[in-house]
mmCIF file of all heavy atoms, coordinates in Angstrom:
data_MODEL
# 
_entry.id   MODEL 
# 
loop_
_atom_site.group_PDB 
_atom_site.id 
_atom_site.type_symbol 
_atom_site.label_atom_id 
_atom_site.label_alt_id 
_atom_site.label_comp_id 
_atom_site.label_asym_id 
_atom_site.label_entity_id 
_atom_site.label_seq_id 
_atom_site.pdbx_PDB_ins_code 
_atom_site.Cartn_x 
_atom_site.Cartn_y 
_atom_site.Cartn_z 
_atom_site.occupancy 
_atom_site.B_iso_or_equiv 
_atom_site.pdbx_formal_charge 
_atom_site.auth_seq_id 
_atom_site.auth_comp_id 
_atom_site.auth_asym_id 
_atom_site.auth_atom_id 
_atom_site.pdbx_PDB_model_num 
ATOM 1   N N   . LEU A 1 1  ? -6.586  11.220 2.362  1.00 0.00 ? 1  LEU A N   1 
ATOM 2   C CA  . LEU A 1 1  ? -6.602  12.575 1.813  1.00 0.00 ? 1  LEU A CA  1 
ATOM 3   C C   . LEU A 1 1  ? -6.589  13.617 2.929  1.00 0.00 ? 1  LEU A C   1 
ATOM 4   O O   . LEU A 1 1  ? -5.809  14.580 2.892  1.00 0.00 ? 1  LEU A O   1 
ATOM 5   C CB  . LEU A 1 1  ? -7.849  12.759 0.935  1.00 0.00 ? 1  LEU A CB  1 
ATOM 6   C CG  . LEU A 1 1  ? -8.117  14.189 0.448  1.00 0.00 ? 1  LEU A CG  1 
ATOM 7   C CD1 . LEU A 1 1  ? -7.044  14.647 -0.525 1.00 0.00 ? 1  LEU A CD1 1 
ATOM 8   C CD2 . LEU A 1 1  ? -9.511  14.291 -0.185 1.00 0.00 ? 1  LEU A CD2 1 
ATOM 9   N N   . ILE A 1 2  ? -7.447  13.429 3.927  1.00 0.00 ? 2  ILE A N   1 
ATOM 10  C CA  . ILE A 1 2  ? -7.526  14.392 5.029  1.00 0.00 ? 2  ILE A CA  1 
ATOM 11  C C   . ILE A 1 2  ? -6.211  14.417 5.798  1.00 0.00 ? 2  ILE A C   1 
ATOM 12  O O   . ILE A 1 2  ? -5.708  15.493 6.159  1.00 0.00 ? 2  ILE A O   1 
ATOM 13  C CB  . ILE A 1 2  ? -8.702  14.030 5.961  1.00 0.00 ? 2  ILE A CB  1 
ATOM 14  C CG1 . ILE A 1 2  ? -10.032 14.122 5.206  1.00 0.00 ? 2  ILE A CG1 1 
ATOM 15  C CG2 . ILE A 1 2  ? -8.712  14.941 7.180  1.00 0.00 ? 2  ILE A CG2 1 
ATOM 16  C CD1 . ILE A 1 2  ? -10.318 15.463 4.568  1.00 0.00 ? 2  ILE A CD1 1 
ATOM 17  N N   . ALA A 1 3  ? -5.631  13.248 6.052  1.00 0.00 ? 3  ALA A N   1 
ATOM 18  C CA  . ALA A 1 3  ? -4.364  13.193 6.781  1.00 0.00 ? 3  ALA A CA  1 
ATOM 19  C C   . ALA A 1 3  ? -3.268  13.947 6.040  1.00 0.00 ? 3  ALA A C   1 
ATOM 20  O O   . ALA A 1 3  ? -2.487  14.693 6.648  1.00 0.00 ? 3  ALA A O   1 
ATOM 21  C CB  . ALA A 1 3  ? -3.956  11.745 7.001  1.00 0.00 ? 3  ALA A CB  1 
ATOM 22  N N   . GLU A 1 4  ? -3.205  13.755 4.726  1.00 0.00 ? 4  GLU A N   1 
ATOM 23  C CA  . GLU A 1 4  ? -2.173  14.418 3.928  1.00 0.00 ? 4  GLU A CA  1 
ATOM 24  C C   . GLU A 1 4  ? -2.340  15.931 3.942  1.00 0.00 ? 4  GLU A C   1 
ATOM 25  O O   . GLU A 1 4  ? -1.371  16.683 4.119  1.00 0.00 ? 4  GLU A O   1 
ATOM 26  C CB  . GLU A 1 4  ? -2.227  13.904 2.490  1.00 0.00 ? 4  GLU A CB  1 
ATOM 27  C CG  . GLU A 1 4  ? -1.743  12.470 2.329  1.00 0.00 ? 4  GLU A CG  1 
ATOM 28  C CD  . GLU A 1 4  ? -2.065  11.897 0.961  1.00 0.00 ? 4  GLU A CD  1 
ATOM 29  O OE1 . GLU A 1 4  ? -2.759  12.588 0.162  1.00 0.00 ? 4  GLU A OE1 1 
ATOM 30  O OE2 . GLU A 1 4  ? -1.650  10.756 0.687  1.00 0.00 ? 4  GLU A OE2 1 
ATOM 31  N N   . ARG A 1 5  ? -3.581  16.393 3.778  1.00 0.00 ? 5  ARG A N   1 
ATOM 32  C CA  . ARG A 1 5  ? -3.811  17.822 3.644  1.00 0.00 ? 5  ARG A CA  1 
ATOM 33  C C   . ARG A 1 5  ? -3.713  18.568 4.987  1.00 0.00 ? 5  ARG A C   1 
ATOM 34  O O   . ARG A 1 5  ? -3.412  19.763 4.997  1.00 0.00 ? 5  ARG A O   1 
ATOM 35  C CB  . ARG A 1 5  ? -5.184  18.065 3.019  1.00 0.00 ? 5  ARG A CB  1 
ATOM 36  C CG  . ARG A 1 5  ? -5.297  17.554 1.593  1.00 0.00 ? 5  ARG A CG  1 
ATOM 37  C CD  . ARG A 1 5  ? -4.251  18.193 0.660  1.00 0.00 ? 5  ARG A CD  1 
ATOM 38  N NE  . ARG A 1 5  ? -4.435  17.764 -0.713 1.00 0.00 ? 5  ARG A NE  1 
ATOM 39  C CZ  . ARG A 1 5  ? -5.164  18.427 -1.611 1.00 0.00 ? 5  ARG A CZ  1 
ATOM 40  N NH1 . ARG A 1 5  ? -5.770  19.555 -1.268 1.00 0.00 ? 5  ARG A NH1 1 
ATOM 41  N NH2 . ARG A 1 5  ? -5.275  17.956 -2.843 1.00 0.00 ? 5  ARG A NH2 1 
ATOM 42  N N   . PHE A 1 6  ? -3.981  17.878 6.086  1.00 0.00 ? 6  PHE A N   1 
ATOM 43  C CA  . PHE A 1 6  ? -3.979  18.568 7.383  1.00 0.00 ? 6  PHE A CA  1 
ATOM 44  C C   . PHE A 1 6  ? -2.840  18.106 8.283  1.00 0.00 ? 6  PHE A C   1 
ATOM 45  O O   . PHE A 1 6  ? -2.826  18.401 9.472  1.00 0.00 ? 6  PHE A O   1 
ATOM 46  C CB  . PHE A 1 6  ? -5.329  18.387 8.063  1.00 0.00 ? 6  PHE A CB  1 
ATOM 47  C CG  . PHE A 1 6  ? -6.456  19.027 7.304  1.00 0.00 ? 6  PHE A CG  1 
ATOM 48  C CD1 . PHE A 1 6  ? -7.292  18.271 6.499  1.00 0.00 ? 6  PHE A CD1 1 
ATOM 49  C CD2 . PHE A 1 6  ? -6.647  20.395 7.356  1.00 0.00 ? 6  PHE A CD2 1 
ATOM 50  C CE1 . PHE A 1 6  ? -8.311  18.867 5.777  1.00 0.00 ? 6  PHE A CE1 1 
ATOM 51  C CE2 . PHE A 1 6  ? -7.665  21.000 6.631  1.00 0.00 ? 6  PHE A CE2 1 
ATOM 52  C CZ  . PHE A 1 6  ? -8.504  20.235 5.835  1.00 0.00 ? 6  PHE A CZ  1 
ATOM 53  N N   . SER A 1 7  ? -1.898  17.411 7.689  1.00 0.00 ? 7  SER A N   1 
ATOM 54  C CA  . SER A 1 7  ? -0.757  16.905 8.441  1.00 0.00 ? 7  SER A CA  1 
ATOM 55  C C   . SER A 1 7  ? -0.017  18.041 9.135  1.00 0.00 ? 7  SER A C   1 
ATOM 56  O O   . SER A 1 7  ? 0.257   19.085 8.541  1.00 0.00 ? 7  SER A O   1 
ATOM 57  C CB  . SER A 1 7  ? 0.198   16.177 7.492  1.00 0.00 ? 7  SER A CB  1 
ATOM 58  O OG  . SER A 1 7  ? 1.220   15.557 8.203  1.00 0.00 ? 7  SER A OG  1 
ATOM 59  N N   . GLY A 1 8  ? 0.296   17.829 10.412 1.00 0.00 ? 8  GLY A N   1 
ATOM 60  C CA  . GLY A 1 8  ? 0.990   18.841 11.191 1.00 0.00 ? 8  GLY A CA  1 
ATOM 61  C C   . GLY A 1 8  ? 0.088   19.866 11.827 1.00 0.00 ? 8  GLY A C   1 
ATOM 62  O O   . GLY A 1 8  ? 0.492   20.574 12.752 1.00 0.00 ? 8  GLY A O   1 
ATOM 63  N N   . ARG A 1 9  ? -1.144  19.959 11.338 1.00 0.00 ? 9  ARG A N   1 
ATOM 64  C CA  . ARG A 1 9  ? -2.088  20.921 11.914 1.00 0.00 ? 9  ARG A CA  1 
ATOM 65  C C   . ARG A 1 9  ? -3.183  20.235 12.724 1.00 0.00 ? 9  ARG A C   1 
ATOM 66  O O   . ARG A 1 9  ? -3.571  20.718 13.789 1.00 0.00 ? 9  ARG A O   1 
ATOM 67  C CB  . ARG A 1 9  ? -2.718  21.771 10.803 1.00 0.00 ? 9  ARG A CB  1 
ATOM 68  C CG  . ARG A 1 9  ? -1.733  22.722 10.126 1.00 0.00 ? 9  ARG A CG  1 
ATOM 69  C CD  . ARG A 1 9  ? -2.440  23.600 9.102  1.00 0.00 ? 9  ARG A CD  1 
ATOM 70  N NE  . ARG A 1 9  ? -2.886  22.821 7.942  1.00 0.00 ? 9  ARG A NE  1 
ATOM 71  C CZ  . ARG A 1 9  ? -3.777  23.267 7.045  1.00 0.00 ? 9  ARG A CZ  1 
ATOM 72  N NH1 . ARG A 1 9  ? -4.345  24.460 7.210  1.00 0.00 ? 9  ARG A NH1 1 
ATOM 73  N NH2 . ARG A 1 9  ? -4.102  22.518 6.007  1.00 0.00 ? 9  ARG A NH2 1 
ATOM 74  N N   . VAL A 1 10 ? -3.699  19.120 12.229 1.00 0.00 ? 10 VAL A N   1 
ATOM 75  C CA  . VAL A 1 10 ? -4.694  18.338 12.969 1.00 0.00 ? 10 VAL A CA  1 
ATOM 76  C C   . VAL A 1 10 ? -3.989  17.130 13.568 1.00 0.00 ? 10 VAL A C   1 
ATOM 77  O O   . VAL A 1 10 ? -3.387  16.336 12.842 1.00 0.00 ? 10 VAL A O   1 
ATOM 78  C CB  . VAL A 1 10 ? -5.852  17.895 12.062 1.00 0.00 ? 10 VAL A CB  1 
ATOM 79  C CG1 . VAL A 1 10 ? -6.805  16.990 12.836 1.00 0.00 ? 10 VAL A CG1 1 
ATOM 80  C CG2 . VAL A 1 10 ? -6.595  19.106 11.511 1.00 0.00 ? 10 VAL A CG2 1 
ATOM 81  N N   . LYS A 1 11 ? -4.068  16.996 14.876 1.00 0.00 ? 11 LYS A N   1 
ATOM 82  C CA  . LYS A 1 11 ? -3.357  15.931 15.576 1.00 0.00 ? 11 LYS A CA  1 
ATOM 83  C C   . LYS A 1 11 ? -4.276  14.982 16.321 1.00 0.00 ? 11 LYS A C   1 
ATOM 84  O O   . LYS A 1 11 ? -3.809  14.031 16.950 1.00 0.00 ? 11 LYS A O   1 
ATOM 85  C CB  . LYS A 1 11 ? -2.332  16.545 16.532 1.00 0.00 ? 11 LYS A CB  1 
ATOM 86  C CG  . LYS A 1 11 ? -1.289  17.405 15.823 1.00 0.00 ? 11 LYS A CG  1 
ATOM 87  C CD  . LYS A 1 11 ? -0.331  18.061 16.794 1.00 0.00 ? 11 LYS A CD  1 
ATOM 88  C CE  . LYS A 1 11 ? 0.675   18.947 16.044 1.00 0.00 ? 11 LYS A CE  1 
ATOM 89  N NZ  . LYS A 1 11 ? 1.617   19.628 16.983 1.00 0.00 ? 11 LYS A NZ  1 
ATOM 90  N N   . HIS A 1 12 ? -5.578  15.256 16.264 1.00 0.00 ? 12 HIS A N   1 
ATOM 91  C CA  . HIS A 1 12 ? -6.557  14.398 16.936 1.00 0.00 ? 12 HIS A CA  1 
ATOM 92  C C   . HIS A 1 12 ? -7.704  14.093 15.971 1.00 0.00 ? 12 HIS A C   1 
ATOM 93  O O   . HIS A 1 12 ? -8.299  15.022 15.399 1.00 0.00 ? 12 HIS A O   1 
ATOM 94  C CB  . HIS A 1 12 ? -7.118  15.070 18.196 1.00 0.00 ? 12 HIS A CB  1 
ATOM 95  C CG  . HIS A 1 12 ? -6.086  15.302 19.259 1.00 0.00 ? 12 HIS A CG  1 
ATOM 96  N ND1 . HIS A 1 12 ? -5.256  16.404 19.245 1.00 0.00 ? 12 HIS A ND1 1 
ATOM 97  C CD2 . HIS A 1 12 ? -5.763  14.578 20.365 1.00 0.00 ? 12 HIS A CD2 1 
ATOM 98  C CE1 . HIS A 1 12 ? -4.456  16.353 20.302 1.00 0.00 ? 12 HIS A CE1 1 
ATOM 99  N NE2 . HIS A 1 12 ? -4.741  15.252 20.991 1.00 0.00 ? 12 HIS A NE2 1 
ATOM 100 N N   . TYR A 1 13 ? -7.999  12.815 15.819 1.00 0.00 ? 13 TYR A N   1 
ATOM 101 C CA  . TYR A 1 13 ? -9.066  12.391 14.919 1.00 0.00 ? 13 TYR A CA  1 
ATOM 102 C C   . TYR A 1 13 ? -10.006 11.399 15.604 1.00 0.00 ? 13 TYR A C   1 
ATOM 103 O O   . TYR A 1 13 ? -9.574  10.559 16.401 1.00 0.00 ? 13 TYR A O   1 
ATOM 104 C CB  . TYR A 1 13 ? -8.482  11.692 13.687 1.00 0.00 ? 13 TYR A CB  1 
ATOM 105 C CG  . TYR A 1 13 ? -7.794  12.597 12.694 1.00 0.00 ? 13 TYR A CG  1 
ATOM 106 C CD1 . TYR A 1 13 ? -6.416  12.749 12.711 1.00 0.00 ? 13 TYR A CD1 1 
ATOM 107 C CD2 . TYR A 1 13 ? -8.524  13.277 11.722 1.00 0.00 ? 13 TYR A CD2 1 
ATOM 108 C CE1 . TYR A 1 13 ? -5.773  13.566 11.789 1.00 0.00 ? 13 TYR A CE1 1 
ATOM 109 C CE2 . TYR A 1 13 ? -7.894  14.099 10.797 1.00 0.00 ? 13 TYR A CE2 1 
ATOM 110 C CZ  . TYR A 1 13 ? -6.517  14.241 10.834 1.00 0.00 ? 13 TYR A CZ  1 
ATOM 111 O OH  . TYR A 1 13 ? -5.886  15.054 9.908  1.00 0.00 ? 13 TYR A OH  1 
ATOM 112 N N   . PHE A 1 14 ? -11.268 11.506 15.258 1.00 0.00 ? 14 PHE A N   1 
ATOM 113 C CA  . PHE A 1 14 ? -12.253 10.470 15.525 1.00 0.00 ? 14 PHE A CA  1 
ATOM 114 C C   . PHE A 1 14 ? -12.665 9.914  14.167 1.00 0.00 ? 14 PHE A C   1 
ATOM 115 O O   . PHE A 1 14 ? -12.949 10.682 13.247 1.00 0.00 ? 14 PHE A O   1 
ATOM 116 C CB  . PHE A 1 14 ? -13.486 11.036 16.244 1.00 0.00 ? 14 PHE A CB  1 
ATOM 117 C CG  . PHE A 1 14 ? -13.178 11.666 17.567 1.00 0.00 ? 14 PHE A CG  1 
ATOM 118 C CD1 . PHE A 1 14 ? -12.972 13.042 17.666 1.00 0.00 ? 14 PHE A CD1 1 
ATOM 119 C CD2 . PHE A 1 14 ? -13.085 10.901 18.721 1.00 0.00 ? 14 PHE A CD2 1 
ATOM 120 C CE1 . PHE A 1 14 ? -12.685 13.633 18.886 1.00 0.00 ? 14 PHE A CE1 1 
ATOM 121 C CE2 . PHE A 1 14 ? -12.798 11.489 19.940 1.00 0.00 ? 14 PHE A CE2 1 
ATOM 122 C CZ  . PHE A 1 14 ? -12.597 12.858 20.030 1.00 0.00 ? 14 PHE A CZ  1 
ATOM 123 N N   . THR A 1 15 ? -12.696 8.600  14.038 1.00 0.00 ? 15 THR A N   1 
ATOM 124 C CA  . THR A 1 15 ? -13.038 8.018  12.743 1.00 0.00 ? 15 THR A CA  1 
ATOM 125 C C   . THR A 1 15 ? -14.529 8.139  12.459 1.00 0.00 ? 15 THR A C   1 
ATOM 126 O O   . THR A 1 15 ? -14.934 8.810  11.505 1.00 0.00 ? 15 THR A O   1 
ATOM 127 C CB  . THR A 1 15 ? -12.611 6.544  12.685 1.00 0.00 ? 15 THR A CB  1 
ATOM 128 O OG1 . THR A 1 15 ? -13.207 5.844  13.784 1.00 0.00 ? 15 THR A OG1 1 
ATOM 129 C CG2 . THR A 1 15 ? -11.100 6.419  12.728 1.00 0.00 ? 15 THR A CG2 1 
ATOM 130 N N   . ILE A 1 16 ? -15.349 7.493  13.280 1.00 0.00 ? 16 ILE A N   1 
ATOM 131 C CA  . ILE A 1 16 ? -16.788 7.406  13.015 1.00 0.00 ? 16 ILE A CA  1 
ATOM 132 C C   . ILE A 1 16 ? -17.567 7.801  14.261 1.00 0.00 ? 16 ILE A C   1 
ATOM 133 O O   . ILE A 1 16 ? -17.271 7.354  15.364 1.00 0.00 ? 16 ILE A O   1 
ATOM 134 C CB  . ILE A 1 16 ? -17.174 5.981  12.574 1.00 0.00 ? 16 ILE A CB  1 
ATOM 135 C CG1 . ILE A 1 16 ? -16.473 5.645  11.251 1.00 0.00 ? 16 ILE A CG1 1 
ATOM 136 C CG2 . ILE A 1 16 ? -18.697 5.840  12.417 1.00 0.00 ? 16 ILE A CG2 1 
ATOM 137 C CD1 . ILE A 1 16 ? -16.661 4.213  10.792 1.00 0.00 ? 16 ILE A CD1 1 
ATOM 138 N N   . ASN A 1 17 ? -18.554 8.648  14.072 1.00 0.00 ? 17 ASN A N   1 
ATOM 139 C CA  . ASN A 1 17 ? -19.427 9.072  15.159 1.00 0.00 ? 17 ASN A CA  1 
ATOM 140 C C   . ASN A 1 17 ? -20.650 8.163  15.237 1.00 0.00 ? 17 ASN A C   1 
ATOM 141 O O   . ASN A 1 17 ? -21.343 7.946  14.245 1.00 0.00 ? 17 ASN A O   1 
ATOM 142 C CB  . ASN A 1 17 ? -19.896 10.515 14.932 1.00 0.00 ? 17 ASN A CB  1 
ATOM 143 C CG  . ASN A 1 17 ? -20.812 10.999 16.042 1.00 0.00 ? 17 ASN A CG  1 
ATOM 144 O OD1 . ASN A 1 17 ? -20.365 11.366 17.120 1.00 0.00 ? 17 ASN A OD1 1 
ATOM 145 N ND2 . ASN A 1 17 ? -22.119 10.979 15.789 1.00 0.00 ? 17 ASN A ND2 1 
ATOM 146 N N   . GLU A 1 18 ? -20.888 7.625  16.422 1.00 0.00 ? 18 GLU A N   1 
ATOM 147 C CA  . GLU A 1 18 ? -22.085 6.847  16.725 1.00 0.00 ? 18 GLU A CA  1 
ATOM 148 C C   . GLU A 1 18 ? -22.422 5.807  15.651 1.00 0.00 ? 18 GLU A C   1 
ATOM 149 O O   . GLU A 1 18 ? -23.435 5.916  14.947 1.00 0.00 ? 18 GLU A O   1 
ATOM 150 C CB  . GLU A 1 18 ? -23.268 7.783  16.965 1.00 0.00 ? 18 GLU A CB  1 
ATOM 151 C CG  . GLU A 1 18 ? -23.064 8.670  18.183 1.00 0.00 ? 18 GLU A CG  1 
ATOM 152 C CD  . GLU A 1 18 ? -24.254 9.539  18.523 1.00 0.00 ? 18 GLU A CD  1 
ATOM 153 O OE1 . GLU A 1 18 ? -25.132 9.739  17.646 1.00 0.00 ? 18 GLU A OE1 1 
ATOM 154 O OE2 . GLU A 1 18 ? -24.325 10.040 19.662 1.00 0.00 ? 18 GLU A OE2 1 
ATOM 155 N N   . PRO A 1 19 ? -21.568 4.792  15.522 1.00 0.00 ? 19 PRO A N   1 
ATOM 156 C CA  . PRO A 1 19 ? -21.881 3.736  14.548 1.00 0.00 ? 19 PRO A CA  1 
ATOM 157 C C   . PRO A 1 19 ? -23.222 3.063  14.825 1.00 0.00 ? 19 PRO A C   1 
ATOM 158 O O   . PRO A 1 19 ? -23.838 2.512  13.905 1.00 0.00 ? 19 PRO A O   1 
ATOM 159 C CB  . PRO A 1 19 ? -20.714 2.756  14.701 1.00 0.00 ? 19 PRO A CB  1 
ATOM 160 C CG  . PRO A 1 19 ? -20.118 3.053  16.040 1.00 0.00 ? 19 PRO A CG  1 
ATOM 161 C CD  . PRO A 1 19 ? -20.315 4.517  16.246 1.00 0.00 ? 19 PRO A CD  1 
ATOM 162 N N   . GLN A 1 20 ? -23.673 3.125  16.082 1.00 0.00 ? 20 GLN A N   1 
ATOM 163 C CA  . GLN A 1 20 ? -24.989 2.561  16.412 1.00 0.00 ? 20 GLN A CA  1 
ATOM 164 C C   . GLN A 1 20 ? -26.092 3.289  15.646 1.00 0.00 ? 20 GLN A C   1 
ATOM 165 O O   . GLN A 1 20 ? -27.026 2.660  15.122 1.00 0.00 ? 20 GLN A O   1 
ATOM 166 C CB  . GLN A 1 20 ? -25.246 2.676  17.916 1.00 0.00 ? 20 GLN A CB  1 
ATOM 167 C CG  . GLN A 1 20 ? -24.296 1.865  18.778 1.00 0.00 ? 20 GLN A CG  1 
ATOM 168 C CD  . GLN A 1 20 ? -23.034 2.627  19.182 1.00 0.00 ? 20 GLN A CD  1 
ATOM 169 O OE1 . GLN A 1 20 ? -22.686 3.645  18.592 1.00 0.00 ? 20 GLN A OE1 1 
ATOM 170 N NE2 . GLN A 1 20 ? -22.347 2.125  20.195 1.00 0.00 ? 20 GLN A NE2 1 
ATOM 171 N N   . CYS A 1 21 ? -26.000 4.615  15.587 1.00 0.00 ? 21 CYS A N   1 
ATOM 172 C CA  . CYS A 1 21 ? -27.009 5.386  14.855 1.00 0.00 ? 21 CYS A CA  1 
ATOM 173 C C   . CYS A 1 21 ? -26.904 5.142  13.359 1.00 0.00 ? 21 CYS A C   1 
ATOM 174 O O   . CYS A 1 21 ? -27.924 5.027  12.660 1.00 0.00 ? 21 CYS A O   1 
ATOM 175 C CB  . CYS A 1 21 ? -26.859 6.877  15.153 1.00 0.00 ? 21 CYS A CB  1 
ATOM 176 S SG  . CYS A 1 21 ? -27.257 7.346  16.860 1.00 0.00 ? 21 CYS A SG  1 
ATOM 177 N N   . VAL A 1 22 ? -25.670 5.063  12.855 1.00 0.00 ? 22 VAL A N   1 
ATOM 178 C CA  . VAL A 1 22 ? -25.465 4.809  11.429 1.00 0.00 ? 22 VAL A CA  1 
ATOM 179 C C   . VAL A 1 22 ? -26.183 3.531  11.019 1.00 0.00 ? 22 VAL A C   1 
ATOM 180 O O   . VAL A 1 22 ? -26.910 3.483  10.011 1.00 0.00 ? 22 VAL A O   1 
ATOM 181 C CB  . VAL A 1 22 ? -23.961 4.710  11.114 1.00 0.00 ? 22 VAL A CB  1 
ATOM 182 C CG1 . VAL A 1 22 ? -23.755 4.325  9.648  1.00 0.00 ? 22 VAL A CG1 1 
ATOM 183 C CG2 . VAL A 1 22 ? -23.244 6.019  11.425 1.00 0.00 ? 22 VAL A CG2 1 
ATOM 184 N N   . SER A 1 23 ? -26.002 2.472  11.811 1.00 0.00 ? 23 SER A N   1 
ATOM 185 C CA  . SER A 1 23 ? -26.511 1.154  11.426 1.00 0.00 ? 23 SER A CA  1 
ATOM 186 C C   . SER A 1 23 ? -27.957 0.940  11.832 1.00 0.00 ? 23 SER A C   1 
ATOM 187 O O   . SER A 1 23 ? -28.784 0.510  11.011 1.00 0.00 ? 23 SER A O   1 
ATOM 188 C CB  . SER A 1 23 ? -25.629 0.065  12.032 1.00 0.00 ? 23 SER A CB  1 
ATOM 189 O OG  . SER A 1 23 ? -25.518 0.214  13.446 1.00 0.00 ? 23 SER A OG  1 
ATOM 190 N N   . VAL A 1 24 ? -28.304 1.241  13.087 1.00 0.00 ? 24 VAL A N   1 
ATOM 191 C CA  . VAL A 1 24 ? -29.662 0.957  13.566 1.00 0.00 ? 24 VAL A CA  1 
ATOM 192 C C   . VAL A 1 24 ? -30.672 1.943  12.989 1.00 0.00 ? 24 VAL A C   1 
ATOM 193 O O   . VAL A 1 24 ? -31.690 1.547  12.394 1.00 0.00 ? 24 VAL A O   1 
ATOM 194 C CB  . VAL A 1 24 ? -29.723 0.974  15.114 1.00 0.00 ? 24 VAL A CB  1 
ATOM 195 C CG1 . VAL A 1 24 ? -31.158 0.739  15.585 1.00 0.00 ? 24 VAL A CG1 1 
ATOM 196 C CG2 . VAL A 1 24 ? -28.798 -0.099 15.696 1.00 0.00 ? 24 VAL A CG2 1 
ATOM 197 N N   . LEU A 1 25 ? -30.401 3.238  13.145 1.00 0.00 ? 25 LEU A N   1 
ATOM 198 C CA  . LEU A 1 25 ? -31.366 4.236  12.680 1.00 0.00 ? 25 LEU A CA  1 
ATOM 199 C C   . LEU A 1 25 ? -31.374 4.366  11.164 1.00 0.00 ? 25 LEU A C   1 
ATOM 200 O O   . LEU A 1 25 ? -32.409 4.666  10.567 1.00 0.00 ? 25 LEU A O   1 
ATOM 201 C CB  . LEU A 1 25 ? -31.074 5.594  13.322 1.00 0.00 ? 25 LEU A CB  1 
ATOM 202 C CG  . LEU A 1 25 ? -31.157 5.656  14.845 1.00 0.00 ? 25 LEU A CG  1 
ATOM 203 C CD1 . LEU A 1 25 ? -30.935 7.084  15.334 1.00 0.00 ? 25 LEU A CD1 1 
ATOM 204 C CD2 . LEU A 1 25 ? -32.492 5.132  15.350 1.00 0.00 ? 25 LEU A CD2 1 
ATOM 205 N N   . GLY A 1 26 ? -30.228 4.147  10.539 1.00 0.00 ? 26 GLY A N   1 
ATOM 206 C CA  . GLY A 1 26 ? -30.151 4.302  9.091  1.00 0.00 ? 26 GLY A CA  1 
ATOM 207 C C   . GLY A 1 26 ? -30.629 3.098  8.304  1.00 0.00 ? 26 GLY A C   1 
ATOM 208 O O   . GLY A 1 26 ? -31.195 3.245  7.218  1.00 0.00 ? 26 GLY A O   1 
ATOM 209 N N   . TYR A 1 27 ? -30.431 1.885  8.885  1.00 0.00 ? 27 TYR A N   1 
ATOM 210 C CA  . TYR A 1 27 ? -30.669 0.676  8.086  1.00 0.00 ? 27 TYR A CA  1 
ATOM 211 C C   . TYR A 1 27 ? -31.607 -0.344 8.744  1.00 0.00 ? 27 TYR A C   1 
ATOM 212 O O   . TYR A 1 27 ? -31.920 -1.359 8.129  1.00 0.00 ? 27 TYR A O   1 
ATOM 213 C CB  . TYR A 1 27 ? -29.344 -0.007 7.777  1.00 0.00 ? 27 TYR A CB  1 
ATOM 214 C CG  . TYR A 1 27 ? -28.469 0.762  6.815  1.00 0.00 ? 27 TYR A CG  1 
ATOM 215 C CD1 . TYR A 1 27 ? -27.566 1.721  7.271  1.00 0.00 ? 27 TYR A CD1 1 
ATOM 216 C CD2 . TYR A 1 27 ? -28.545 0.547  5.442  1.00 0.00 ? 27 TYR A CD2 1 
ATOM 217 C CE1 . TYR A 1 27 ? -26.757 2.426  6.392  1.00 0.00 ? 27 TYR A CE1 1 
ATOM 218 C CE2 . TYR A 1 27 ? -27.738 1.244  4.550  1.00 0.00 ? 27 TYR A CE2 1 
ATOM 219 C CZ  . TYR A 1 27 ? -26.847 2.187  5.030  1.00 0.00 ? 27 TYR A CZ  1 
ATOM 220 O OH  . TYR A 1 27 ? -26.053 2.888  4.151  1.00 0.00 ? 27 TYR A OH  1 
# 
């Protein structure tokens, strides 16, 4: 969805920020 809506305008993406925090601190 994000790629379709921002195509041509956003050219750099990061998928997930700090998966270590997501998994260790969250779970």
